[in-house]
Amino acid sequence: FLMASVLGVAEGQGLADLLGGSTRDELVQSLTSQLVGLWETGDLEFLD
């Protein structure tokens, strides 16, 4: 993500074009939700 941000514009395309139409904030939000969703902690009841 940082490399794509630093490269900025490539051959007249903006970052949003390079990332499939997503803005930087949308990409960060999407990556964050995908990564956070991989971890889970919870409770369950077994034999009281």
PDB file of all heavy atoms in Angstrom:
ATOM      1  N   PHE A   1       0.827  -1.196   0.000  1.00  0.00           N
ATOM      2  CA  PHE A   1       0.000   0.000   0.000  1.00  0.00           C
ATOM      3  C   PHE A   1       0.867   1.255   0.000  1.00  0.00           C
ATOM      4  O   PHE A   1       0.622   2.198  -0.753  1.00  0.00           O
ATOM      5  CB  PHE A   1      -0.935  -0.002   1.200  1.00  0.00           C
ATOM      6  CG  PHE A   1      -1.686   1.278   1.353  1.00  0.00           C
ATOM      7  CD1 PHE A   1      -2.694   1.610   0.462  1.00  0.00           C
ATOM      8  CD2 PHE A   1      -1.380   2.157   2.361  1.00  0.00           C
ATOM      9  CE1 PHE A   1      -3.382   2.793   0.592  1.00  0.00           C
ATOM     10  CE2 PHE A   1      -2.049   3.343   2.499  1.00  0.00           C
ATOM     11  CZ  PHE A   1      -3.057   3.675   1.616  1.00  0.00           C
ATOM     12  N   LEU A   2       1.889   1.260   0.856  1.00  0.00           N
ATOM     13  CA  LEU A   2       2.767   2.428   0.919  1.00  0.00           C
ATOM     14  C   LEU A   2       3.523   2.624  -0.392  1.00  0.00           C
ATOM     15  O   LEU A   2       3.708   3.750  -0.846  1.00  0.00           O
ATOM     16  CB  LEU A   2       3.748   2.288   2.085  1.00  0.00           C
ATOM     17  CG  LEU A   2       3.126   2.428   3.470  1.00  0.00           C
ATOM     18  CD1 LEU A   2       4.157   2.120   4.544  1.00  0.00           C
ATOM     19  CD2 LEU A   2       2.551   3.807   3.663  1.00  0.00           C
ATOM     20  N   MET A   3       3.958   1.532  -1.001  1.00  0.00           N
ATOM     21  CA  MET A   3       4.670   1.628  -2.265  1.00  0.00           C
ATOM     22  C   MET A   3       3.759   2.234  -3.338  1.00  0.00           C
ATOM     23  O   MET A   3       4.172   3.104  -4.103  1.00  0.00           O
ATOM     24  CB  MET A   3       5.162   0.246  -2.720  1.00  0.00           C
ATOM     25  CG  MET A   3       6.048   0.290  -3.950  1.00  0.00           C
ATOM     26  SD  MET A   3       6.859  -1.278  -4.317  1.00  0.00           S
ATOM     27  CE  MET A   3       5.514  -2.408  -4.359  1.00  0.00           C
ATOM     28  N   ALA A   4       2.494   1.797  -3.367  1.00  0.00           N
ATOM     29  CA  ALA A   4       1.556   2.365  -4.338  1.00  0.00           C
ATOM     30  C   ALA A   4       1.317   3.837  -4.052  1.00  0.00           C
ATOM     31  O   ALA A   4       1.183   4.648  -4.979  1.00  0.00           O
ATOM     32  CB  ALA A   4       0.230   1.599  -4.300  1.00  0.00           C
ATOM     33  N   SER A   5       1.299   4.212  -2.771  1.00  0.00           N
ATOM     34  CA  SER A   5       1.092   5.616  -2.409  1.00  0.00           C
ATOM     35  C   SER A   5       2.278   6.476  -2.816  1.00  0.00           C
ATOM     36  O   SER A   5       2.112   7.597  -3.296  1.00  0.00           O
ATOM     37  CB  SER A   5       0.883   5.749  -0.901  1.00  0.00           C
ATOM     38  OG  SER A   5      -0.261   5.063  -0.521  1.00  0.00           O
ATOM     39  N   VAL A   6       3.489   5.964  -2.613  1.00  0.00           N
ATOM     40  CA  VAL A   6       4.696   6.725  -2.932  1.00  0.00           C
ATOM     41  C   VAL A   6       4.864   6.873  -4.433  1.00  0.00           C
ATOM     42  O   VAL A   6       5.282   7.927  -4.927  1.00  0.00           O
ATOM     43  CB  VAL A   6       5.937   6.042  -2.306  1.00  0.00           C
ATOM     44  CG1 VAL A   6       7.219   6.667  -2.797  1.00  0.00           C
ATOM     45  CG2 VAL A   6       5.859   6.126  -0.791  1.00  0.00           C
ATOM     46  N   LEU A   7       4.515   5.832  -5.175  1.00  0.00           N
ATOM     47  CA  LEU A   7       4.665   5.893  -6.626  1.00  0.00           C
ATOM     48  C   LEU A   7       3.745   6.950  -7.234  1.00  0.00           C
ATOM     49  O   LEU A   7       4.055   7.512  -8.276  1.00  0.00           O
ATOM     50  CB  LEU A   7       4.372   4.525  -7.254  1.00  0.00           C
ATOM     51  CG  LEU A   7       5.399   3.447  -6.961  1.00  0.00           C
ATOM     52  CD1 LEU A   7       4.947   2.126  -7.577  1.00  0.00           C
ATOM     53  CD2 LEU A   7       6.767   3.822  -7.489  1.00  0.00           C
ATOM     54  N   GLY A   8       2.628   7.212  -6.544  1.00  0.00           N
ATOM     55  CA  GLY A   8       1.746   8.281  -6.998  1.00  0.00           C
ATOM     56  C   GLY A   8       1.145   7.997  -8.356  1.00  0.00           C
ATOM     57  O   GLY A   8       0.360   7.099  -8.529  1.00  0.00           O
ATOM     58  N   VAL A   9       1.522   8.767  -9.331  1.00  0.00           N
ATOM     59  CA  VAL A   9       0.926   8.705 -10.657  1.00  0.00           C
ATOM     60  C   VAL A   9       1.825   7.881 -11.570  1.00  0.00           C
ATOM     61  O   VAL A   9       3.010   8.107 -11.665  1.00  0.00           O
ATOM     62  CB  VAL A   9       0.751  10.126 -11.226  1.00  0.00           C
ATOM     63  CG1 VAL A   9       0.178  10.078 -12.609  1.00  0.00           C
ATOM     64  CG2 VAL A   9      -0.123  10.955 -10.303  1.00  0.00           C
ATOM     65  N   ALA A  10       1.229   6.906 -12.249  1.00  0.00           N
ATOM     66  CA  ALA A  10       1.982   6.088 -13.200  1.00  0.00           C
ATOM     67  C   ALA A  10       1.310   6.194 -14.554  1.00  0.00           C
ATOM     68  O   ALA A  10       0.159   5.795 -14.703  1.00  0.00           O
ATOM     69  CB  ALA A  10       2.016   4.639 -12.728  1.00  0.00           C
ATOM     70  N   GLU A  11       2.012   6.714 -15.504  1.00  0.00           N
ATOM     71  CA  GLU A  11       1.526   6.862 -16.868  1.00  0.00           C
ATOM     72  C   GLU A  11       0.172   7.568 -16.921  1.00  0.00           C
ATOM     73  O   GLU A  11      -0.766   7.114 -17.573  1.00  0.00           O
ATOM     74  CB  GLU A  11       1.448   5.494 -17.556  1.00  0.00           C
ATOM     75  CG  GLU A  11       2.807   4.841 -17.718  1.00  0.00           C
ATOM     76  CD  GLU A  11       2.710   3.531 -18.478  1.00  0.00           C
ATOM     77  OE1 GLU A  11       1.715   3.315 -19.202  1.00  0.00           O
ATOM     78  OE2 GLU A  11       3.638   2.740 -18.361  1.00  0.00           O
ATOM     79  N   GLY A  12       0.029   8.655 -16.170  1.00  0.00           N
ATOM     80  CA  GLY A  12      -1.178   9.464 -16.234  1.00  0.00           C
ATOM     81  C   GLY A  12      -2.339   8.929 -15.428  1.00  0.00           C
ATOM     82  O   GLY A  12      -3.426   9.466 -15.472  1.00  0.00           O
ATOM     83  N   GLN A  13      -2.141   7.825 -14.692  1.00  0.00           N
ATOM     84  CA  GLN A  13      -3.215   7.279 -13.887  1.00  0.00           C
ATOM     85  C   GLN A  13      -3.046   7.741 -12.442  1.00  0.00           C
ATOM     86  O   GLN A  13      -1.955   7.759 -11.911  1.00  0.00           O
ATOM     87  CB  GLN A  13      -3.189   5.750 -13.910  1.00  0.00           C
ATOM     88  CG  GLN A  13      -3.511   5.172 -15.263  1.00  0.00           C
ATOM     89  CD  GLN A  13      -3.482   3.654 -15.201  1.00  0.00           C
ATOM     90  OE1 GLN A  13      -2.795   3.074 -14.388  1.00  0.00           O
ATOM     91  NE2 GLN A  13      -4.256   3.034 -16.084  1.00  0.00           N
ATOM     92  N   GLY A  14      -4.149   8.080 -11.806  1.00  0.00           N
ATOM     93  CA  GLY A  14      -4.121   8.427 -10.394  1.00  0.00           C
ATOM     94  C   GLY A  14      -4.130   7.166  -9.557  1.00  0.00           C
ATOM     95  O   GLY A  14      -4.349   6.064 -10.051  1.00  0.00           O
ATOM     96  N   LEU A  15      -3.913   7.328  -8.277  1.00  0.00           N
ATOM     97  CA  LEU A  15      -3.898   6.185  -7.368  1.00  0.00           C
ATOM     98  C   LEU A  15      -5.239   5.455  -7.382  1.00  0.00           C
ATOM     99  O   LEU A  15      -5.283   4.232  -7.352  1.00  0.00           O
ATOM    100  CB  LEU A  15      -3.555   6.653  -5.941  1.00  0.00           C
ATOM    101  CG  LEU A  15      -3.418   5.566  -4.884  1.00  0.00           C
ATOM    102  CD1 LEU A  15      -2.319   4.578  -5.278  1.00  0.00           C
ATOM    103  CD2 LEU A  15      -3.128   6.157  -3.531  1.00  0.00           C
ATOM    104  N   ALA A  16      -6.327   6.197  -7.468  1.00  0.00           N
ATOM    105  CA  ALA A  16      -7.651   5.564  -7.504  1.00  0.00           C
ATOM    106  C   ALA A  16      -7.791   4.658  -8.723  1.00  0.00           C
ATOM    107  O   ALA A  16      -8.376   3.579  -8.646  1.00  0.00           O
ATOM    108  CB  ALA A  16      -8.748   6.618  -7.499  1.00  0.00           C
ATOM    109  N   ASP A  17      -7.233   5.082  -9.880  1.00  0.00           N
ATOM    110  CA  ASP A  17      -7.286   4.237 -11.078  1.00  0.00           C
ATOM    111  C   ASP A  17      -6.457   2.975 -10.892  1.00  0.00           C
ATOM    112  O   ASP A  17      -6.848   1.889 -11.320  1.00  0.00           O
ATOM    113  CB  ASP A  17      -6.770   5.009 -12.298  1.00  0.00           C
ATOM    114  CG  ASP A  17      -7.672   6.181 -12.654  1.00  0.00           C
ATOM    115  OD1 ASP A  17      -8.893   6.079 -12.400  1.00  0.00           O
ATOM    116  OD2 ASP A  17      -7.148   7.186 -13.172  1.00  0.00           O
ATOM    117  N   LEU A  18      -5.288   3.123 -10.264  1.00  0.00           N
ATOM    118  CA  LEU A  18      -4.417   1.970 -10.046  1.00  0.00           C
ATOM    119  C   LEU A  18      -5.028   0.958  -9.084  1.00  0.00           C
ATOM    120  O   LEU A  18      -4.778  -0.234  -9.175  1.00  0.00           O
ATOM    121  CB  LEU A  18      -3.059   2.420  -9.484  1.00  0.00           C
ATOM    122  CG  LEU A  18      -2.169   3.218 -10.432  1.00  0.00           C
ATOM    123  CD1 LEU A  18      -0.966   3.749  -9.675  1.00  0.00           C
ATOM    124  CD2 LEU A  18      -1.728   2.353 -11.599  1.00  0.00           C
ATOM    125  N   LEU A  19      -5.853   1.438  -8.168  1.00  0.00           N
ATOM    126  CA  LEU A  19      -6.431   0.572  -7.143  1.00  0.00           C
ATOM    127  C   LEU A  19      -7.860   0.162  -7.468  1.00  0.00           C
ATOM    128  O   LEU A  19      -8.632  -0.166  -6.604  1.00  0.00           O
ATOM    129  CB  LEU A  19      -6.375   1.273  -5.783  1.00  0.00           C
ATOM    130  CG  LEU A  19      -4.981   1.646  -5.306  1.00  0.00           C
ATOM    131  CD1 LEU A  19      -5.063   2.444  -4.018  1.00  0.00           C
ATOM    132  CD2 LEU A  19      -4.113   0.421  -5.133  1.00  0.00           C
ATOM    133  N   GLY A  20      -8.217   0.174  -8.711  1.00  0.00           N
ATOM    134  CA  GLY A  20      -9.534  -0.286  -9.135  1.00  0.00           C
ATOM    135  C   GLY A  20     -10.649   0.673  -8.774  1.00  0.00           C
ATOM    136  O   GLY A  20     -11.753   0.246  -8.483  1.00  0.00           O
ATOM    137  N   GLY A  21     -10.375   1.956  -8.777  1.00  0.00           N
ATOM    138  CA  GLY A  21     -11.399   2.950  -8.506  1.00  0.00           C
ATOM    139  C   GLY A  21     -11.544   3.302  -7.042  1.00  0.00           C
ATOM    140  O   GLY A  21     -12.332   4.168  -6.693  1.00  0.00           O
ATOM    141  N   SER A  22     -10.828   2.651  -6.159  1.00  0.00           N
ATOM    142  CA  SER A  22     -10.927   2.941  -4.732  1.00  0.00           C
ATOM    143  C   SER A  22     -10.046   4.126  -4.377  1.00  0.00           C
ATOM    144  O   SER A  22      -8.940   4.262  -4.888  1.00  0.00           O
ATOM    145  CB  SER A  22     -10.471   1.741  -3.898  1.00  0.00           C
ATOM    146  OG  SER A  22     -11.281   0.637  -4.152  1.00  0.00           O
ATOM    147  N   THR A  23     -10.533   4.960  -3.489  1.00  0.00           N
ATOM    148  CA  THR A  23      -9.700   6.042  -2.983  1.00  0.00           C
ATOM    149  C   THR A  23      -8.776   5.470  -1.926  1.00  0.00           C
ATOM    150  O   THR A  23      -8.950   4.329  -1.467  1.00  0.00           O
ATOM    151  CB  THR A  23     -10.554   7.159  -2.353  1.00  0.00           C
ATOM    152  OG1 THR A  23     -11.198   6.629  -1.195  1.00  0.00           O
ATOM    153  CG2 THR A  23     -11.575   7.711  -3.338  1.00  0.00           C
ATOM    154  N   ARG A  24      -7.829   6.245  -1.514  1.00  0.00           N
ATOM    155  CA  ARG A  24      -6.871   5.808  -0.505  1.00  0.00           C
ATOM    156  C   ARG A  24      -7.594   5.436   0.791  1.00  0.00           C
ATOM    157  O   ARG A  24      -7.307   4.404   1.391  1.00  0.00           O
ATOM    158  CB  ARG A  24      -5.870   6.942  -0.256  1.00  0.00           C
ATOM    159  CG  ARG A  24      -4.554   6.475   0.239  1.00  0.00           C
ATOM    160  CD  ARG A  24      -3.584   7.617   0.346  1.00  0.00           C
ATOM    161  NE  ARG A  24      -2.937   7.794  -0.952  1.00  0.00           N
ATOM    162  CZ  ARG A  24      -2.089   8.755  -1.228  1.00  0.00           C
ATOM    163  NH1 ARG A  24      -1.806   9.671  -0.339  1.00  0.00           N
ATOM    164  NH2 ARG A  24      -1.523   8.833  -2.403  1.00  0.00           N
ATOM    165  N   ASP A  25      -8.520   6.279   1.231  1.00  0.00           N
ATOM    166  CA  ASP A  25      -9.263   6.006   2.470  1.00  0.00           C
ATOM    167  C   ASP A  25     -10.107   4.743   2.348  1.00  0.00           C
ATOM    168  O   ASP A  25     -10.187   3.946   3.293  1.00  0.00           O
ATOM    169  CB  ASP A  25     -10.154   7.191   2.845  1.00  0.00           C
ATOM    170  CG  ASP A  25      -9.360   8.406   3.294  1.00  0.00           C
ATOM    171  OD1 ASP A  25      -8.185   8.231   3.691  1.00  0.00           O
ATOM    172  OD2 ASP A  25      -9.899   9.520   3.236  1.00  0.00           O
ATOM    173  N   GLU A  26     -10.741   4.540   1.204  1.00  0.00           N
ATOM    174  CA  GLU A  26     -11.540   3.337   0.994  1.00  0.00           C
ATOM    175  C   GLU A  26     -10.666   2.092   1.019  1.00  0.00           C
ATOM    176  O   GLU A  26     -11.052   1.054   1.566  1.00  0.00           O
ATOM    177  CB  GLU A  26     -12.299   3.412  -0.330  1.00  0.00           C
ATOM    178  CG  GLU A  26     -13.423   4.425  -0.337  1.00  0.00           C
ATOM    179  CD  GLU A  26     -13.986   4.656  -1.736  1.00  0.00           C
ATOM    180  OE1 GLU A  26     -13.271   4.386  -2.730  1.00  0.00           O
ATOM    181  OE2 GLU A  26     -15.132   5.121  -1.832  1.00  0.00           O
ATOM    182  N   LEU A  27      -9.481   2.195   0.420  1.00  0.00           N
ATOM    183  CA  LEU A  27      -8.564   1.060   0.408  1.00  0.00           C
ATOM    184  C   LEU A  27      -8.093   0.725   1.816  1.00  0.00           C
ATOM    185  O   LEU A  27      -8.084  -0.439   2.208  1.00  0.00           O
ATOM    186  CB  LEU A  27      -7.359   1.350  -0.492  1.00  0.00           C
ATOM    187  CG  LEU A  27      -6.311   0.240  -0.537  1.00  0.00           C
ATOM    188  CD1 LEU A  27      -6.892  -1.020  -1.156  1.00  0.00           C
ATOM    189  CD2 LEU A  27      -5.099   0.692  -1.304  1.00  0.00           C
ATOM    190  N   VAL A  28      -7.720   1.734   2.582  1.00  0.00           N
ATOM    191  CA  VAL A  28      -7.272   1.512   3.963  1.00  0.00           C
ATOM    192  C   VAL A  28      -8.388   0.867   4.770  1.00  0.00           C
ATOM    193  O   VAL A  28      -8.163  -0.099   5.500  1.00  0.00           O
ATOM    194  CB  VAL A  28      -6.799   2.831   4.612  1.00  0.00           C
ATOM    195  CG1 VAL A  28      -6.598   2.664   6.105  1.00  0.00           C
ATOM    196  CG2 VAL A  28      -5.529   3.322   3.950  1.00  0.00           C
ATOM    197  N   GLN A  29      -9.603   1.372   4.627  1.00  0.00           N
ATOM    198  CA  GLN A  29     -10.733   0.816   5.357  1.00  0.00           C
ATOM    199  C   GLN A  29     -11.000  -0.629   4.938  1.00  0.00           C
ATOM    200  O   GLN A  29     -11.250  -1.499   5.771  1.00  0.00           O
ATOM    201  CB  GLN A  29     -11.977   1.667   5.137  1.00  0.00           C
ATOM    202  CG  GLN A  29     -13.158   1.224   5.975  1.00  0.00           C
ATOM    203  CD  GLN A  29     -14.351   2.158   5.803  1.00  0.00           C
ATOM    204  OE1 GLN A  29     -14.340   3.055   4.975  1.00  0.00           O
ATOM    205  NE2 GLN A  29     -15.379   1.926   6.588  1.00  0.00           N
ATOM    206  N   SER A  30     -10.931  -0.897   3.655  1.00  0.00           N
ATOM    207  CA  SER A  30     -11.163  -2.247   3.160  1.00  0.00           C
ATOM    208  C   SER A  30     -10.097  -3.225   3.648  1.00  0.00           C
ATOM    209  O   SER A  30     -10.406  -4.323   4.103  1.00  0.00           O
ATOM    210  CB  SER A  30     -11.195  -2.235   1.631  1.00  0.00           C
ATOM    211  OG  SER A  30     -11.392  -3.519   1.135  1.00  0.00           O
ATOM    212  N   LEU A  31      -8.817  -2.831   3.544  1.00  0.00           N
ATOM    213  CA  LEU A  31      -7.732  -3.691   4.025  1.00  0.00           C
ATOM    214  C   LEU A  31      -7.848  -3.944   5.518  1.00  0.00           C
ATOM    215  O   LEU A  31      -7.676  -5.067   5.981  1.00  0.00           O
ATOM    216  CB  LEU A  31      -6.371  -3.064   3.717  1.00  0.00           C
ATOM    217  CG  LEU A  31      -5.878  -3.164   2.287  1.00  0.00           C
ATOM    218  CD1 LEU A  31      -4.602  -2.354   2.106  1.00  0.00           C
ATOM    219  CD2 LEU A  31      -5.637  -4.606   1.907  1.00  0.00           C
ATOM    220  N   THR A  32      -8.161  -2.908   6.270  1.00  0.00           N
ATOM    221  CA  THR A  32      -8.275  -3.038   7.716  1.00  0.00           C
ATOM    222  C   THR A  32      -9.376  -4.015   8.093  1.00  0.00           C
ATOM    223  O   THR A  32      -9.174  -4.902   8.929  1.00  0.00           O
ATOM    224  CB  THR A  32      -8.546  -1.662   8.368  1.00  0.00           C
ATOM    225  OG1 THR A  32      -7.476  -0.783   8.029  1.00  0.00           O
ATOM    226  CG2 THR A  32      -8.660  -1.773   9.871  1.00  0.00           C
ATOM    227  N   SER A  33     -10.548  -3.883   7.475  1.00  0.00           N
ATOM    228  CA  SER A  33     -11.651  -4.785   7.824  1.00  0.00           C
ATOM    229  C   SER A  33     -11.336  -6.222   7.420  1.00  0.00           C
ATOM    230  O   SER A  33     -11.701  -7.160   8.135  1.00  0.00           O
ATOM    231  CB  SER A  33     -12.964  -4.320   7.198  1.00  0.00           C
ATOM    232  OG  SER A  33     -12.914  -4.416   5.798  1.00  0.00           O
ATOM    233  N   GLN A  34     -10.652  -6.419   6.304  1.00  0.00           N
ATOM    234  CA  GLN A  34     -10.285  -7.768   5.885  1.00  0.00           C
ATOM    235  C   GLN A  34      -9.289  -8.395   6.847  1.00  0.00           C
ATOM    236  O   GLN A  34      -9.410  -9.566   7.216  1.00  0.00           O
ATOM    237  CB  GLN A  34      -9.702  -7.755   4.468  1.00  0.00           C
ATOM    238  CG  GLN A  34     -10.705  -7.469   3.391  1.00  0.00           C
ATOM    239  CD  GLN A  34     -11.715  -8.586   3.241  1.00  0.00           C
ATOM    240  OE1 GLN A  34     -11.381  -9.756   3.283  1.00  0.00           O
ATOM    241  NE2 GLN A  34     -12.971  -8.220   3.107  1.00  0.00           N
ATOM    242  N   LEU A  35      -8.289  -7.624   7.267  1.00  0.00           N
ATOM    243  CA  LEU A  35      -7.260  -8.159   8.163  1.00  0.00           C
ATOM    244  C   LEU A  35      -7.802  -8.413   9.562  1.00  0.00           C
ATOM    245  O   LEU A  35      -7.526  -9.449  10.163  1.00  0.00           O
ATOM    246  CB  LEU A  35      -6.061  -7.210   8.220  1.00  0.00           C
ATOM    247  CG  LEU A  35      -5.250  -7.116   6.931  1.00  0.00           C
ATOM    248  CD1 LEU A  35      -4.199  -6.030   7.046  1.00  0.00           C
ATOM    249  CD2 LEU A  35      -4.606  -8.453   6.606  1.00  0.00           C
ATOM    250  N   VAL A  36      -8.583  -7.482  10.093  1.00  0.00           N
ATOM    251  CA  VAL A  36      -9.131  -7.635  11.433  1.00  0.00           C
ATOM    252  C   VAL A  36     -10.082  -8.821  11.492  1.00  0.00           C
ATOM    253  O   VAL A  36     -10.144  -9.530  12.498  1.00  0.00           O
ATOM    254  CB  VAL A  36      -9.825  -6.326  11.890  1.00  0.00           C
ATOM    255  CG1 VAL A  36     -10.629  -6.534  13.161  1.00  0.00           C
ATOM    256  CG2 VAL A  36      -8.788  -5.239  12.100  1.00  0.00           C
ATOM    257  N   GLY A  37     -10.807  -9.083  10.424  1.00  0.00           N
ATOM    258  CA  GLY A  37     -11.755 -10.183  10.387  1.00  0.00           C
ATOM    259  C   GLY A  37     -11.111 -11.564  10.443  1.00  0.00           C
ATOM    260  O   GLY A  37     -11.801 -12.563  10.635  1.00  0.00           O
ATOM    261  N   LEU A  38      -9.795 -11.638  10.315  1.00  0.00           N
ATOM    262  CA  LEU A  38      -9.113 -12.925  10.366  1.00  0.00           C
ATOM    263  C   LEU A  38      -8.949 -13.424  11.799  1.00  0.00           C
ATOM    264  O   LEU A  38      -8.792 -14.607  12.030  1.00  0.00           O
ATOM    265  CB  LEU A  38      -7.744 -12.829   9.693  1.00  0.00           C
ATOM    266  CG  LEU A  38      -7.759 -12.507   8.195  1.00  0.00           C
ATOM    267  CD1 LEU A  38      -6.336 -12.374   7.680  1.00  0.00           C
ATOM    268  CD2 LEU A  38      -8.513 -13.562   7.405  1.00  0.00           C
ATOM    269  N   TRP A  39      -8.957 -12.519  12.777  1.00  0.00           N
ATOM    270  CA  TRP A  39      -8.818 -12.870  14.185  1.00  0.00           C
ATOM    271  C   TRP A  39     -10.197 -12.906  14.824  1.00  0.00           C
ATOM    272  O   TRP A  39     -11.075 -12.120  14.484  1.00  0.00           O
ATOM    273  CB  TRP A  39      -7.989 -11.820  14.928  1.00  0.00           C
ATOM    274  CG  TRP A  39      -6.527 -11.916  14.737  1.00  0.00           C
ATOM    275  CD1 TRP A  39      -5.633 -12.545  15.553  1.00  0.00           C
ATOM    276  CD2 TRP A  39      -5.745 -11.350  13.676  1.00  0.00           C
ATOM    277  NE1 TRP A  39      -4.363 -12.399  15.057  1.00  0.00           N
ATOM    278  CE2 TRP A  39      -4.405 -11.672  13.909  1.00  0.00           C
ATOM    279  CE3 TRP A  39      -6.059 -10.595  12.540  1.00  0.00           C
ATOM    280  CZ2 TRP A  39      -3.385 -11.280  13.072  1.00  0.00           C
ATOM    281  CZ3 TRP A  39      -5.042 -10.206  11.698  1.00  0.00           C
ATOM    282  CH2 TRP A  39      -3.721 -10.545  11.957  1.00  0.00           C
ATOM    283  N   GLU A  40     -10.379 -13.798  15.788  1.00  0.00           N
ATOM    284  CA  GLU A  40     -11.642 -13.831  16.514  1.00  0.00           C
ATOM    285  C   GLU A  40     -11.403 -14.420  17.905  1.00  0.00           C
ATOM    286  O   GLU A  40     -10.627 -15.353  18.073  1.00  0.00           O
ATOM    287  CB  GLU A  40     -12.674 -14.691  15.777  1.00  0.00           C
ATOM    288  CG  GLU A  40     -14.026 -14.706  16.457  1.00  0.00           C
ATOM    289  CD  GLU A  40     -15.040 -15.584  15.730  1.00  0.00           C
ATOM    290  OE1 GLU A  40     -14.704 -16.225  14.730  1.00  0.00           O
ATOM    291  OE2 GLU A  40     -16.179 -15.627  16.205  1.00  0.00           O
ATOM    292  N   THR A  41     -12.072 -13.861  18.878  1.00  0.00           N
ATOM    293  CA  THR A  41     -12.052 -14.357  20.248  1.00  0.00           C
ATOM    294  C   THR A  41     -13.480 -14.317  20.765  1.00  0.00           C
ATOM    295  O   THR A  41     -14.221 -13.384  20.463  1.00  0.00           O
ATOM    296  CB  THR A  41     -11.155 -13.468  21.140  1.00  0.00           C
ATOM    297  OG1 THR A  41      -9.844 -13.444  20.583  1.00  0.00           O
ATOM    298  CG2 THR A  41     -11.079 -13.995  22.549  1.00  0.00           C
ATOM    299  N   GLY A  42     -13.872 -15.338  21.501  1.00  0.00           N
ATOM    300  CA  GLY A  42     -15.227 -15.350  22.012  1.00  0.00           C
ATOM    301  C   GLY A  42     -15.405 -16.361  23.129  1.00  0.00           C
ATOM    302  O   GLY A  42     -14.453 -17.037  23.535  1.00  0.00           O
ATOM    303  N   ASP A  43     -16.621 -16.442  23.621  1.00  0.00           N
ATOM    304  CA  ASP A  43     -16.965 -17.369  24.690  1.00  0.00           C
ATOM    305  C   ASP A  43     -18.086 -18.275  24.235  1.00  0.00           C
ATOM    306  O   ASP A  43     -18.891 -17.908  23.378  1.00  0.00           O
ATOM    307  CB  ASP A  43     -17.423 -16.606  25.941  1.00  0.00           C
ATOM    308  CG  ASP A  43     -16.310 -15.780  26.558  1.00  0.00           C
ATOM    309  OD1 ASP A  43     -15.156 -16.244  26.569  1.00  0.00           O
ATOM    310  OD2 ASP A  43     -16.596 -14.658  27.021  1.00  0.00           O
ATOM    311  N   LEU A  44     -18.138 -19.466  24.832  1.00  0.00           N
ATOM    312  CA  LEU A  44     -19.218 -20.403  24.597  1.00  0.00           C
ATOM    313  C   LEU A  44     -19.455 -21.183  25.875  1.00  0.00           C
ATOM    314  O   LEU A  44     -18.598 -21.224  26.753  1.00  0.00           O
ATOM    315  CB  LEU A  44     -18.916 -21.327  23.412  1.00  0.00           C
ATOM    316  CG  LEU A  44     -17.593 -22.109  23.409  1.00  0.00           C
ATOM    317  CD1 LEU A  44     -17.776 -23.454  24.075  1.00  0.00           C
ATOM    318  CD2 LEU A  44     -17.148 -22.302  21.985  1.00  0.00           C
ATOM    319  N   GLU A  45     -20.628 -21.762  25.994  1.00  0.00           N
ATOM    320  CA  GLU A  45     -20.955 -22.531  27.191  1.00  0.00           C
ATOM    321  C   GLU A  45     -20.880 -24.020  26.868  1.00  0.00           C
ATOM    322  O   GLU A  45     -21.413 -24.478  25.848  1.00  0.00           O
ATOM    323  CB  GLU A  45     -22.365 -22.187  27.672  1.00  0.00           C
ATOM    324  CG  GLU A  45     -22.712 -22.875  28.969  1.00  0.00           C
ATOM    325  CD  GLU A  45     -24.131 -22.587  29.415  1.00  0.00           C
ATOM    326  OE1 GLU A  45     -24.618 -21.475  29.180  1.00  0.00           O
ATOM    327  OE2 GLU A  45     -24.742 -23.510  29.985  1.00  0.00           O
ATOM    328  N   PHE A  46     -20.196 -24.754  27.737  1.00  0.00           N
ATOM    329  CA  PHE A  46     -20.081 -26.197  27.560  1.00  0.00           C
ATOM    330  C   PHE A  46     -20.266 -26.857  28.923  1.00  0.00           C
ATOM    331  O   PHE A  46     -19.500 -26.592  29.851  1.00  0.00           O
ATOM    332  CB  PHE A  46     -18.725 -26.561  26.953  1.00  0.00           C
ATOM    333  CG  PHE A  46     -18.533 -28.040  26.776  1.00  0.00           C
ATOM    334  CD1 PHE A  46     -19.336 -28.752  25.894  1.00  0.00           C
ATOM    335  CD2 PHE A  46     -17.564 -28.715  27.478  1.00  0.00           C
ATOM    336  CE1 PHE A  46     -19.170 -30.118  25.733  1.00  0.00           C
ATOM    337  CE2 PHE A  46     -17.393 -30.085  27.319  1.00  0.00           C
ATOM    338  CZ  PHE A  46     -18.197 -30.786  26.445  1.00  0.00           C
ATOM    339  N   LEU A  47     -21.293 -27.671  29.066  1.00  0.00           N
ATOM    340  CA  LEU A  47     -21.602 -28.375  30.310  1.00  0.00           C
ATOM    341  C   LEU A  47     -21.638 -27.424  31.508  1.00  0.00           C
ATOM    342  O   LEU A  47     -21.018 -27.661  32.541  1.00  0.00           O
ATOM    343  CB  LEU A  47     -20.596 -29.505  30.555  1.00  0.00           C
ATOM    344  CG  LEU A  47     -20.637 -30.658  29.562  1.00  0.00           C
ATOM    345  CD1 LEU A  47     -19.521 -31.639  29.836  1.00  0.00           C
ATOM    346  CD2 LEU A  47     -21.991 -31.369  29.616  1.00  0.00           C
ATOM    347  N   ASP A  48     -22.334 -26.320  31.346  1.00  0.00           N
ATOM    348  CA  ASP A  48     -22.507 -25.297  32.391  1.00  0.00           C
ATOM    349  C   ASP A  48     -21.210 -24.591  32.783  1.00  0.00           C
ATOM    350  O   ASP A  48     -21.121 -24.019  33.867  1.00  0.00           O
ATOM    351  CB  ASP A  48     -23.189 -25.886  33.638  1.00  0.00           C
ATOM    352  CG  ASP A  48     -24.585 -26.398  33.347  1.00  0.00           C
ATOM    353  OD1 ASP A  48     -25.271 -25.754  32.514  1.00  0.00           O
ATOM    354  OD2 ASP A  48     -24.987 -27.419  33.923  1.00  0.00           O
TER     355      ASP A  48
END
